[in-house]
Amino acid sequence: LAGVLIMEPEIIFLDEPLAFLDPLGSQTLIEIL
């Protein structure tokens, strides 16, 4: 995700972003989204 965000895209496509993440990892990713 850092490799994607450093390019500062306007549109971001994510494929199953919460797959295999624990609850804390999922919550962190949702906060970033």
PDB file of all heavy atoms in Angstrom:
ATOM      1  N   LEU A   1       0.837  -1.202   0.000  1.00  0.00           N
ATOM      2  CA  LEU A   1       0.000   0.000   0.000  1.00  0.00           C
ATOM      3  C   LEU A   1       0.873   1.253   0.000  1.00  0.00           C
ATOM      4  O   LEU A   1       0.577   2.215  -0.716  1.00  0.00           O
ATOM      5  CB  LEU A   1      -0.938   0.003   1.210  1.00  0.00           C
ATOM      6  CG  LEU A   1      -1.907   1.170   1.318  1.00  0.00           C
ATOM      7  CD1 LEU A   1      -2.806   1.262   0.088  1.00  0.00           C
ATOM      8  CD2 LEU A   1      -2.752   1.042   2.583  1.00  0.00           C
ATOM      9  N   ALA A   2       1.952   1.239   0.753  1.00  0.00           N
ATOM     10  CA  ALA A   2       2.862   2.393   0.757  1.00  0.00           C
ATOM     11  C   ALA A   2       3.435   2.620  -0.636  1.00  0.00           C
ATOM     12  O   ALA A   2       3.553   3.761  -1.096  1.00  0.00           O
ATOM     13  CB  ALA A   2       3.994   2.177   1.770  1.00  0.00           C
ATOM     14  N   GLY A   3       3.791   1.530  -1.336  1.00  0.00           N
ATOM     15  CA  GLY A   3       4.310   1.644  -2.698  1.00  0.00           C
ATOM     16  C   GLY A   3       3.302   2.246  -3.657  1.00  0.00           C
ATOM     17  O   GLY A   3       3.657   2.939  -4.616  1.00  0.00           O
ATOM     18  N   VAL A   4       2.030   2.004  -3.402  1.00  0.00           N
ATOM     19  CA  VAL A   4       0.956   2.591  -4.208  1.00  0.00           C
ATOM     20  C   VAL A   4       0.765   4.064  -3.841  1.00  0.00           C
ATOM     21  O   VAL A   4       0.723   4.941  -4.705  1.00  0.00           O
ATOM     22  CB  VAL A   4      -0.358   1.794  -3.990  1.00  0.00           C
ATOM     23  CG1 VAL A   4      -1.571   2.570  -4.463  1.00  0.00           C
ATOM     24  CG2 VAL A   4      -0.282   0.440  -4.683  1.00  0.00           C
ATOM     25  N   LEU A   5       0.660   4.338  -2.545  1.00  0.00           N
ATOM     26  CA  LEU A   5       0.327   5.691  -2.095  1.00  0.00           C
ATOM     27  C   LEU A   5       1.438   6.704  -2.341  1.00  0.00           C
ATOM     28  O   LEU A   5       1.158   7.883  -2.516  1.00  0.00           O
ATOM     29  CB  LEU A   5      -0.046   5.673  -0.609  1.00  0.00           C
ATOM     30  CG  LEU A   5      -1.292   4.878  -0.244  1.00  0.00           C
ATOM     31  CD1 LEU A   5      -1.551   4.953   1.251  1.00  0.00           C
ATOM     32  CD2 LEU A   5      -2.502   5.354  -1.034  1.00  0.00           C
ATOM     33  N   ILE A   6       2.686   6.262  -2.374  1.00  0.00           N
ATOM     34  CA  ILE A   6       3.785   7.206  -2.583  1.00  0.00           C
ATOM     35  C   ILE A   6       3.706   7.854  -3.967  1.00  0.00           C
ATOM     36  O   ILE A   6       4.209   8.944  -4.177  1.00  0.00           O
ATOM     37  CB  ILE A   6       5.163   6.541  -2.345  1.00  0.00           C
ATOM     38  CG1 ILE A   6       6.201   7.641  -2.093  1.00  0.00           C
ATOM     39  CG2 ILE A   6       5.530   5.606  -3.487  1.00  0.00           C
ATOM     40  CD1 ILE A   6       7.461   7.161  -1.426  1.00  0.00           C
ATOM     41  N   MET A   7       3.005   7.213  -4.881  1.00  0.00           N
ATOM     42  CA  MET A   7       2.839   7.767  -6.228  1.00  0.00           C
ATOM     43  C   MET A   7       1.705   8.791  -6.291  1.00  0.00           C
ATOM     44  O   MET A   7       1.474   9.413  -7.321  1.00  0.00           O
ATOM     45  CB  MET A   7       2.596   6.638  -7.233  1.00  0.00           C
ATOM     46  CG  MET A   7       3.765   5.663  -7.351  1.00  0.00           C
ATOM     47  SD  MET A   7       5.297   6.453  -7.861  1.00  0.00           S
ATOM     48  CE  MET A   7       4.858   7.026  -9.488  1.00  0.00           C
ATOM     49  N   GLU A   8       0.975   8.956  -5.185  1.00  0.00           N
ATOM     50  CA  GLU A   8      -0.122   9.920  -5.061  1.00  0.00           C
ATOM     51  C   GLU A   8      -1.155   9.810  -6.189  1.00  0.00           C
ATOM     52  O   GLU A   8      -1.510  10.801  -6.828  1.00  0.00           O
ATOM     53  CB  GLU A   8       0.432  11.337  -4.964  1.00  0.00           C
ATOM     54  CG  GLU A   8       1.311  11.544  -3.751  1.00  0.00           C
ATOM     55  CD  GLU A   8       1.801  12.963  -3.578  1.00  0.00           C
ATOM     56  OE1 GLU A   8       2.110  13.647  -4.582  1.00  0.00           O
ATOM     57  OE2 GLU A   8       1.864  13.392  -2.415  1.00  0.00           O
ATOM     58  N   PRO A   9      -1.676   8.600  -6.402  1.00  0.00           N
ATOM     59  CA  PRO A   9      -2.691   8.440  -7.456  1.00  0.00           C
ATOM     60  C   PRO A   9      -4.016   9.078  -7.042  1.00  0.00           C
ATOM     61  O   PRO A   9      -4.324   9.175  -5.854  1.00  0.00           O
ATOM     62  CB  PRO A   9      -2.835   6.921  -7.563  1.00  0.00           C
ATOM     63  CG  PRO A   9      -2.502   6.431  -6.185  1.00  0.00           C
ATOM     64  CD  PRO A   9      -1.427   7.362  -5.687  1.00  0.00           C
ATOM     65  N   GLU A  10      -4.775   9.486  -8.019  1.00  0.00           N
ATOM     66  CA  GLU A  10      -6.111  10.035  -7.758  1.00  0.00           C
ATOM     67  C   GLU A  10      -7.141   8.918  -7.626  1.00  0.00           C
ATOM     68  O   GLU A  10      -8.125   9.061  -6.914  1.00  0.00           O
ATOM     69  CB  GLU A  10      -6.529  10.992  -8.883  1.00  0.00           C
ATOM     70  CG  GLU A  10      -5.733  12.292  -8.887  1.00  0.00           C
ATOM     71  CD  GLU A  10      -5.880  13.066  -7.593  1.00  0.00           C
ATOM     72  OE1 GLU A  10      -7.009  13.228  -7.099  1.00  0.00           O
ATOM     73  OE2 GLU A  10      -4.840  13.499  -7.060  1.00  0.00           O
ATOM     74  N   ILE A  11      -6.910   7.814  -8.343  1.00  0.00           N
ATOM     75  CA  ILE A  11      -7.824   6.670  -8.320  1.00  0.00           C
ATOM     76  C   ILE A  11      -7.014   5.456  -7.877  1.00  0.00           C
ATOM     77  O   ILE A  11      -5.946   5.177  -8.415  1.00  0.00           O
ATOM     78  CB  ILE A  11      -8.435   6.402  -9.706  1.00  0.00           C
ATOM     79  CG1 ILE A  11      -9.179   7.640 -10.206  1.00  0.00           C
ATOM     80  CG2 ILE A  11      -9.365   5.194  -9.667  1.00  0.00           C
ATOM     81  CD1 ILE A  11      -9.624   7.562 -11.649  1.00  0.00           C
ATOM     82  N   ILE A  12      -7.550   4.735  -6.884  1.00  0.00           N
ATOM     83  CA  ILE A  12      -6.866   3.559  -6.364  1.00  0.00           C
ATOM     84  C   ILE A  12      -7.813   2.365  -6.445  1.00  0.00           C
ATOM     85  O   ILE A  12      -8.933   2.419  -5.935  1.00  0.00           O
ATOM     86  CB  ILE A  12      -6.418   3.777  -4.908  1.00  0.00           C
ATOM     87  CG1 ILE A  12      -5.539   5.035  -4.812  1.00  0.00           C
ATOM     88  CG2 ILE A  12      -5.672   2.547  -4.383  1.00  0.00           C
ATOM     89  CD1 ILE A  12      -5.296   5.502  -3.399  1.00  0.00           C
ATOM     90  N   PHE A  13      -7.357   1.322  -7.096  1.00  0.00           N
ATOM     91  CA  PHE A  13      -8.101   0.067  -7.194  1.00  0.00           C
ATOM     92  C   PHE A  13      -7.536  -0.911  -6.172  1.00  0.00           C
ATOM     93  O   PHE A  13      -6.319  -1.090  -6.096  1.00  0.00           O
ATOM     94  CB  PHE A  13      -7.973  -0.537  -8.595  1.00  0.00           C
ATOM     95  CG  PHE A  13      -8.605   0.285  -9.665  1.00  0.00           C
ATOM     96  CD1 PHE A  13      -7.893   1.276 -10.318  1.00  0.00           C
ATOM     97  CD2 PHE A  13      -9.926   0.080 -10.022  1.00  0.00           C
ATOM     98  CE1 PHE A  13      -8.466   2.046 -11.304  1.00  0.00           C
ATOM     99  CE2 PHE A  13     -10.522   0.845 -11.009  1.00  0.00           C
ATOM    100  CZ  PHE A  13      -9.798   1.834 -11.656  1.00  0.00           C
ATOM    101  N   LEU A  14      -8.405  -1.534  -5.387  1.00  0.00           N
ATOM    102  CA  LEU A  14      -7.968  -2.505  -4.388  1.00  0.00           C
ATOM    103  C   LEU A  14      -8.733  -3.803  -4.579  1.00  0.00           C
ATOM    104  O   LEU A  14      -9.959  -3.792  -4.692  1.00  0.00           O
ATOM    105  CB  LEU A  14      -8.218  -1.979  -2.976  1.00  0.00           C
ATOM    106  CG  LEU A  14      -7.476  -0.711  -2.591  1.00  0.00           C
ATOM    107  CD1 LEU A  14      -8.396   0.482  -2.666  1.00  0.00           C
ATOM    108  CD2 LEU A  14      -6.908  -0.833  -1.219  1.00  0.00           C
ATOM    109  N   ASP A  15      -8.010  -4.905  -4.608  1.00  0.00           N
ATOM    110  CA  ASP A  15      -8.611  -6.226  -4.764  1.00  0.00           C
ATOM    111  C   ASP A  15      -8.611  -6.911  -3.405  1.00  0.00           C
ATOM    112  O   ASP A  15      -7.548  -7.222  -2.869  1.00  0.00           O
ATOM    113  CB  ASP A  15      -7.805  -7.029  -5.783  1.00  0.00           C
ATOM    114  CG  ASP A  15      -8.438  -8.369  -6.115  1.00  0.00           C
ATOM    115  OD1 ASP A  15      -9.558  -8.651  -5.637  1.00  0.00           O
ATOM    116  OD2 ASP A  15      -7.802  -9.137  -6.860  1.00  0.00           O
ATOM    117  N   GLU A  16      -9.786  -7.140  -2.846  1.00  0.00           N
ATOM    118  CA  GLU A  16      -9.959  -7.792  -1.545  1.00  0.00           C
ATOM    119  C   GLU A  16      -8.989  -7.233  -0.494  1.00  0.00           C
ATOM    120  O   GLU A  16      -8.170  -7.961   0.060  1.00  0.00           O
ATOM    121  CB  GLU A  16      -9.775  -9.312  -1.678  1.00  0.00           C
ATOM    122  CG  GLU A  16     -10.797 -10.006  -2.547  1.00  0.00           C
ATOM    123  CD  GLU A  16     -12.201 -10.065  -1.965  1.00  0.00           C
ATOM    124  OE1 GLU A  16     -12.410  -9.645  -0.802  1.00  0.00           O
ATOM    125  OE2 GLU A  16     -13.099 -10.532  -2.678  1.00  0.00           O
ATOM    126  N   PRO A  17      -9.077  -5.937  -0.196  1.00  0.00           N
ATOM    127  CA  PRO A  17      -8.084  -5.313   0.678  1.00  0.00           C
ATOM    128  C   PRO A  17      -8.029  -5.861   2.101  1.00  0.00           C
ATOM    129  O   PRO A  17      -7.002  -5.741   2.761  1.00  0.00           O
ATOM    130  CB  PRO A  17      -8.486  -3.837   0.680  1.00  0.00           C
ATOM    131  CG  PRO A  17      -9.927  -3.845   0.333  1.00  0.00           C
ATOM    132  CD  PRO A  17     -10.114  -5.003  -0.608  1.00  0.00           C
ATOM    133  N   LEU A  18      -9.099  -6.471   2.593  1.00  0.00           N
ATOM    134  CA  LEU A  18      -9.098  -6.975   3.964  1.00  0.00           C
ATOM    135  C   LEU A  18      -8.785  -8.462   4.052  1.00  0.00           C
ATOM    136  O   LEU A  18      -8.728  -9.019   5.161  1.00  0.00           O
ATOM    137  CB  LEU A  18     -10.448  -6.698   4.639  1.00  0.00           C
ATOM    138  CG  LEU A  18     -10.896  -5.236   4.690  1.00  0.00           C
ATOM    139  CD1 LEU A  18     -12.212  -5.102   5.447  1.00  0.00           C
ATOM    140  CD2 LEU A  18      -9.830  -4.353   5.290  1.00  0.00           C
ATOM    141  N   ALA A  19      -8.556  -9.103   2.916  1.00  0.00           N
ATOM    142  CA  ALA A  19      -8.305 -10.541   2.911  1.00  0.00           C
ATOM    143  C   ALA A  19      -7.101 -10.885   3.781  1.00  0.00           C
ATOM    144  O   ALA A  19      -6.050 -10.265   3.683  1.00  0.00           O
ATOM    145  CB  ALA A  19      -8.068 -11.024   1.478  1.00  0.00           C
ATOM    146  N   PHE A  20      -7.299 -11.843   4.652  1.00  0.00           N
ATOM    147  CA  PHE A  20      -6.251 -12.402   5.513  1.00  0.00           C
ATOM    148  C   PHE A  20      -5.705 -11.436   6.562  1.00  0.00           C
ATOM    149  O   PHE A  20      -4.675 -11.721   7.169  1.00  0.00           O
ATOM    150  CB  PHE A  20      -5.096 -12.975   4.682  1.00  0.00           C
ATOM    151  CG  PHE A  20      -5.541 -13.961   3.655  1.00  0.00           C
ATOM    152  CD1 PHE A  20      -5.459 -13.666   2.306  1.00  0.00           C
ATOM    153  CD2 PHE A  20      -6.070 -15.187   4.042  1.00  0.00           C
ATOM    154  CE1 PHE A  20      -5.882 -14.581   1.354  1.00  0.00           C
ATOM    155  CE2 PHE A  20      -6.495 -16.110   3.095  1.00  0.00           C
ATOM    156  CZ  PHE A  20      -6.397 -15.802   1.760  1.00  0.00           C
ATOM    157  N   LEU A  21      -6.370 -10.307   6.771  1.00  0.00           N
ATOM    158  CA  LEU A  21      -5.920  -9.375   7.813  1.00  0.00           C
ATOM    159  C   LEU A  21      -6.652  -9.692   9.115  1.00  0.00           C
ATOM    160  O   LEU A  21      -7.831 -10.061   9.107  1.00  0.00           O
ATOM    161  CB  LEU A  21      -6.195  -7.928   7.412  1.00  0.00           C
ATOM    162  CG  LEU A  21      -5.396  -7.387   6.235  1.00  0.00           C
ATOM    163  CD1 LEU A  21      -5.795  -5.938   5.961  1.00  0.00           C
ATOM    164  CD2 LEU A  21      -3.906  -7.491   6.471  1.00  0.00           C
ATOM    165  N   ASP A  22      -5.963  -9.519  10.230  1.00  0.00           N
ATOM    166  CA  ASP A  22      -6.606  -9.678  11.533  1.00  0.00           C
ATOM    167  C   ASP A  22      -7.502  -8.458  11.782  1.00  0.00           C
ATOM    168  O   ASP A  22      -7.449  -7.485  11.028  1.00  0.00           O
ATOM    169  CB  ASP A  22      -5.571  -9.884  12.637  1.00  0.00           C
ATOM    170  CG  ASP A  22      -4.622  -8.702  12.812  1.00  0.00           C
ATOM    171  OD1 ASP A  22      -4.925  -7.585  12.352  1.00  0.00           O
ATOM    172  OD2 ASP A  22      -3.569  -8.906  13.425  1.00  0.00           O
ATOM    173  N   PRO A  23      -8.342  -8.489  12.813  1.00  0.00           N
ATOM    174  CA  PRO A  23      -9.255  -7.360  13.045  1.00  0.00           C
ATOM    175  C   PRO A  23      -8.553  -6.010  13.182  1.00  0.00           C
ATOM    176  O   PRO A  23      -9.024  -5.012  12.639  1.00  0.00           O
ATOM    177  CB  PRO A  23      -9.979  -7.747  14.347  1.00  0.00           C
ATOM    178  CG  PRO A  23      -9.956  -9.238  14.332  1.00  0.00           C
ATOM    179  CD  PRO A  23      -8.626  -9.608  13.722  1.00  0.00           C
ATOM    180  N   LEU A  24      -7.418  -5.966  13.887  1.00  0.00           N
ATOM    181  CA  LEU A  24      -6.701  -4.699  14.033  1.00  0.00           C
ATOM    182  C   LEU A  24      -6.141  -4.233  12.687  1.00  0.00           C
ATOM    183  O   LEU A  24      -6.233  -3.046  12.345  1.00  0.00           O
ATOM    184  CB  LEU A  24      -5.570  -4.831  15.060  1.00  0.00           C
ATOM    185  CG  LEU A  24      -4.770  -3.561  15.328  1.00  0.00           C
ATOM    186  CD1 LEU A  24      -5.668  -2.431  15.815  1.00  0.00           C
ATOM    187  CD2 LEU A  24      -3.654  -3.831  16.329  1.00  0.00           C
ATOM    188  N   GLY A  25      -5.600  -5.156  11.905  1.00  0.00           N
ATOM    189  CA  GLY A  25      -5.085  -4.812  10.579  1.00  0.00           C
ATOM    190  C   GLY A  25      -6.198  -4.308   9.666  1.00  0.00           C
ATOM    191  O   GLY A  25      -6.013  -3.354   8.911  1.00  0.00           O
ATOM    192  N   SER A  26      -7.367  -4.941   9.757  1.00  0.00           N
ATOM    193  CA  SER A  26      -8.520  -4.509   8.959  1.00  0.00           C
ATOM    194  C   SER A  26      -8.957  -3.108   9.351  1.00  0.00           C
ATOM    195  O   SER A  26      -9.204  -2.259   8.492  1.00  0.00           O
ATOM    196  CB  SER A  26      -9.696  -5.482   9.144  1.00  0.00           C
ATOM    197  OG  SER A  26      -9.389  -6.742   8.624  1.00  0.00           O
ATOM    198  N   GLN A  27      -9.040  -2.858  10.670  1.00  0.00           N
ATOM    199  CA  GLN A  27      -9.455  -1.536  11.146  1.00  0.00           C
ATOM    200  C   GLN A  27      -8.462  -0.467  10.724  1.00  0.00           C
ATOM    201  O   GLN A  27      -8.851   0.617  10.298  1.00  0.00           O
ATOM    202  CB  GLN A  27      -9.627  -1.540  12.672  1.00  0.00           C
ATOM    203  CG  GLN A  27     -10.180  -0.245  13.214  1.00  0.00           C
ATOM    204  CD  GLN A  27     -11.531   0.122  12.614  1.00  0.00           C
ATOM    205  OE1 GLN A  27     -12.406  -0.726  12.463  1.00  0.00           O
ATOM    206  NE2 GLN A  27     -11.710   1.369  12.254  1.00  0.00           N
ATOM    207  N   THR A  28      -7.176  -0.770  10.801  1.00  0.00           N
ATOM    208  CA  THR A  28      -6.145   0.183  10.388  1.00  0.00           C
ATOM    209  C   THR A  28      -6.291   0.511   8.911  1.00  0.00           C
ATOM    210  O   THR A  28      -6.243   1.681   8.515  1.00  0.00           O
ATOM    211  CB  THR A  28      -4.737  -0.388  10.676  1.00  0.00           C
ATOM    212  OG1 THR A  28      -4.617  -0.608  12.081  1.00  0.00           O
ATOM    213  CG2 THR A  28      -3.646   0.566  10.212  1.00  0.00           C
ATOM    214  N   LEU A  29      -6.494  -0.511   8.093  1.00  0.00           N
ATOM    215  CA  LEU A  29      -6.647  -0.275   6.655  1.00  0.00           C
ATOM    216  C   LEU A  29      -7.902   0.539   6.362  1.00  0.00           C
ATOM    217  O   LEU A  29      -7.873   1.458   5.539  1.00  0.00           O
ATOM    218  CB  LEU A  29      -6.665  -1.593   5.884  1.00  0.00           C
ATOM    219  CG  LEU A  29      -6.695  -1.437   4.376  1.00  0.00           C
ATOM    220  CD1 LEU A  29      -5.467  -0.693   3.859  1.00  0.00           C
ATOM    221  CD2 LEU A  29      -6.790  -2.792   3.695  1.00  0.00           C
ATOM    222  N   ILE A  30      -8.989   0.260   7.048  1.00  0.00           N
ATOM    223  CA  ILE A  30     -10.229   1.030   6.854  1.00  0.00           C
ATOM    224  C   ILE A  30     -10.005   2.493   7.227  1.00  0.00           C
ATOM    225  O   ILE A  30     -10.475   3.401   6.528  1.00  0.00           O
ATOM    226  CB  ILE A  30     -11.393   0.399   7.638  1.00  0.00           C
ATOM    227  CG1 ILE A  30     -11.790  -0.929   6.979  1.00  0.00           C
ATOM    228  CG2 ILE A  30     -12.582   1.351   7.719  1.00  0.00           C
ATOM    229  CD1 ILE A  30     -12.735  -1.776   7.804  1.00  0.00           C
ATOM    230  N   GLU A  31      -9.277   2.750   8.303  1.00  0.00           N
ATOM    231  CA  GLU A  31      -8.976   4.132   8.693  1.00  0.00           C
ATOM    232  C   GLU A  31      -8.150   4.836   7.618  1.00  0.00           C
ATOM    233  O   GLU A  31      -8.367   6.021   7.330  1.00  0.00           O
ATOM    234  CB  GLU A  31      -8.238   4.145  10.036  1.00  0.00           C
ATOM    235  CG  GLU A  31      -9.126   3.777  11.200  1.00  0.00           C
ATOM    236  CD  GLU A  31      -8.368   3.521  12.500  1.00  0.00           C
ATOM    237  OE1 GLU A  31      -7.127   3.709  12.540  1.00  0.00           O
ATOM    238  OE2 GLU A  31      -9.021   3.118  13.475  1.00  0.00           O
ATOM    239  N   ILE A  32      -7.231   4.120   7.010  1.00  0.00           N
ATOM    240  CA  ILE A  32      -6.428   4.700   5.926  1.00  0.00           C
ATOM    241  C   ILE A  32      -7.309   4.988   4.715  1.00  0.00           C
ATOM    242  O   ILE A  32      -7.206   6.050   4.101  1.00  0.00           O
ATOM    243  CB  ILE A  32      -5.256   3.768   5.567  1.00  0.00           C
ATOM    244  CG1 ILE A  32      -4.263   3.742   6.727  1.00  0.00           C
ATOM    245  CG2 ILE A  32      -4.590   4.200   4.269  1.00  0.00           C
ATOM    246  CD1 ILE A  32      -3.251   2.609   6.650  1.00  0.00           C
ATOM    247  N   LEU A  33      -8.215   4.071   4.395  1.00  0.00           N
ATOM    248  CA  LEU A  33      -9.139   4.303   3.278  1.00  0.00           C
ATOM    249  C   LEU A  33     -10.024   5.516   3.552  1.00  0.00           C
ATOM    250  O   LEU A  33     -10.264   6.333   2.658  1.00  0.00           O
ATOM    251  CB  LEU A  33      -9.986   3.057   3.021  1.00  0.00           C
ATOM    252  CG  LEU A  33      -9.243   1.816   2.543  1.00  0.00           C
ATOM    253  CD1 LEU A  33     -10.197   0.632   2.434  1.00  0.00           C
ATOM    254  CD2 LEU A  33      -8.536   2.069   1.223  1.00  0.00           C
TER     255      LEU A  33
END
